[in-house]
């Protein structure tokens, strides 16, 4: 899927200085990857409209519960910021900021 960032990169980048509202609206209507896959699912009778709405409702509930849990949880200790960021020997190809490839392999 070809994706498109609807918003700016950060609070200081509203994303409206280098593209028009018409461009953003056009992409949202014609190329939105979620809407495109939704239409394909319906067109190929993979799921019904009701099944998709039910799935979306379940997902929203799961996300809302995860957000609530995160907000209720204590802040992690600062050293935890560096835990579980990289998995050694995961088999993934990773590129560093210098664009040099770092190869990782599965155990």
Protein backbone atom coordinates (compact mmCIF):
# COMPACT_ATOMS: atom_id res chain seq x y z
CA UNK A 1 0.00 0.00 0.00
CA UNK A 2 1.11 3.50 -0.76
CA UNK A 3 0.65 5.63 2.34
CA UNK A 4 0.36 9.36 2.87
CA UNK A 5 0.96 11.43 5.98
CA UNK A 6 -2.11 13.62 6.54
CA UNK A 7 -0.58 15.74 9.28
CA UNK A 8 2.72 17.51 9.80
CA UNK A 9 5.76 15.89 11.36
CA UNK A 10 5.32 17.62 14.71
CA UNK A 11 3.46 20.35 16.57
CA UNK A 12 5.71 22.94 14.92
CA UNK A 13 4.93 21.52 11.46
CA UNK A 14 1.23 21.80 10.65
CA UNK A 15 1.89 20.26 7.24
CA UNK A 16 -0.09 22.99 5.52
CA UNK A 17 2.79 25.12 4.27
CA UNK A 18 4.04 22.72 1.59
CA UNK A 19 0.77 21.19 0.39
CA UNK A 20 -2.77 22.40 -0.08
CA UNK A 21 -5.91 21.30 1.71
CA UNK A 22 -7.22 20.16 -1.68
CA UNK A 23 -4.24 17.84 -2.08
CA UNK A 24 -4.76 16.31 1.35
CA UNK A 25 -8.50 15.97 0.78
CA UNK A 26 -7.95 14.40 -2.64
CA UNK A 27 -5.53 11.84 -1.27
CA UNK A 28 -7.90 11.02 1.56
CA UNK A 29 -10.75 10.43 -0.91
CA UNK A 30 -8.84 8.60 -3.65
CA UNK A 31 -5.77 6.93 -2.16
CA UNK A 32 -6.41 6.35 1.56
CA UNK A 33 -4.94 2.86 2.12
CA UNK A 34 -7.43 1.91 4.84
CA UNK A 35 -10.40 2.90 2.72
CA UNK A 36 -8.91 1.17 -0.33
CA UNK A 37 -8.45 -2.12 1.49
CA UNK A 38 -11.92 -1.77 2.99
CA UNK A 39 -13.42 -1.43 -0.50
CA UNK A 40 -11.42 -4.44 -1.74
CA UNK A 41 -12.62 -6.57 1.18
CA UNK A 42 -16.23 -5.66 0.42
CA UNK A 43 -15.85 -6.06 -3.35
CA UNK A 44 -14.42 -9.57 -2.97
CA UNK A 45 -16.99 -10.61 -0.36
CA UNK A 46 -14.30 -11.27 2.23
CA UNK A 47 -16.41 -9.55 4.88
CA UNK A 48 -19.69 -7.69 5.09
CA UNK A 49 -20.16 -4.04 6.02
CA UNK A 50 -21.48 -5.14 9.41
CA UNK A 51 -18.48 -7.42 10.02
CA UNK A 52 -16.09 -4.58 9.21
CA UNK A 53 -17.95 -2.19 11.52
CA UNK A 54 -17.96 -4.80 14.29
CA UNK A 55 -14.22 -5.38 13.82
CA UNK A 56 -13.53 -1.65 13.89
CA UNK A 57 -15.60 -1.32 17.06
CA UNK A 58 -13.61 -4.14 18.73
CA UNK A 59 -10.32 -2.57 17.68
CA UNK A 60 -11.33 0.88 18.97
CA UNK A 61 -12.32 -0.70 22.30
CA UNK A 62 -8.98 -2.52 22.51
CA UNK A 63 -7.06 0.67 21.73
CA UNK A 64 -9.08 2.68 24.25
CA UNK A 65 -8.38 0.05 26.93
CA UNK A 66 -4.66 0.10 26.11
CA UNK A 67 -4.59 3.90 26.33
CA UNK A 68 -6.39 3.83 29.68
CA UNK A 69 -3.97 1.21 31.01
CA UNK A 70 -0.98 3.25 29.83
CA UNK A 71 -2.30 6.41 31.48
CA UNK A 72 -2.92 4.55 34.76
CA UNK A 73 0.51 2.90 34.78
CA UNK A 74 3.47 4.48 36.55
CA UNK A 75 6.19 6.00 34.42
CA UNK A 76 9.02 3.55 33.75
CA UNK A 77 12.43 4.05 35.28
CA UNK A 78 14.73 5.99 32.90
CA UNK A 79 16.98 2.96 32.15
CA UNK A 80 13.88 1.16 30.84
CA UNK A 81 13.85 3.58 27.90
CA UNK A 82 16.52 1.40 26.33
CA UNK A 83 14.94 -1.99 27.07
CA UNK A 84 13.34 -4.05 24.30
CA UNK A 85 14.20 -1.59 21.56
CA UNK A 86 16.31 -3.95 19.51
CA UNK A 87 16.11 -7.70 19.30
CA UNK A 88 19.44 -9.36 18.72
CA UNK A 89 19.44 -12.03 16.04
CA UNK A 90 15.90 -11.23 14.87
CA UNK A 91 16.53 -11.82 11.16
CA UNK A 92 15.59 -8.25 10.29
CA UNK A 93 17.57 -5.97 8.05
CA UNK A 94 18.16 -2.70 9.85
CA UNK A 95 19.68 0.51 8.53
CA UNK A 96 21.40 3.01 10.77
CA UNK A 97 21.39 6.78 10.33
CA UNK A 98 24.39 6.49 8.02
CA UNK A 99 22.30 4.15 5.80
CA UNK A 100 24.78 1.33 6.35
CA UNK A 101 23.03 -1.98 6.69
CA UNK A 102 23.26 -3.88 9.94
CA UNK A 103 22.29 -7.54 9.48
CA UNK A 104 20.52 -9.44 12.20
CA UNK A 105 19.67 -13.13 11.96
CA UNK A 106 17.17 -15.39 13.68
CA UNK A 107 18.51 -17.63 16.46
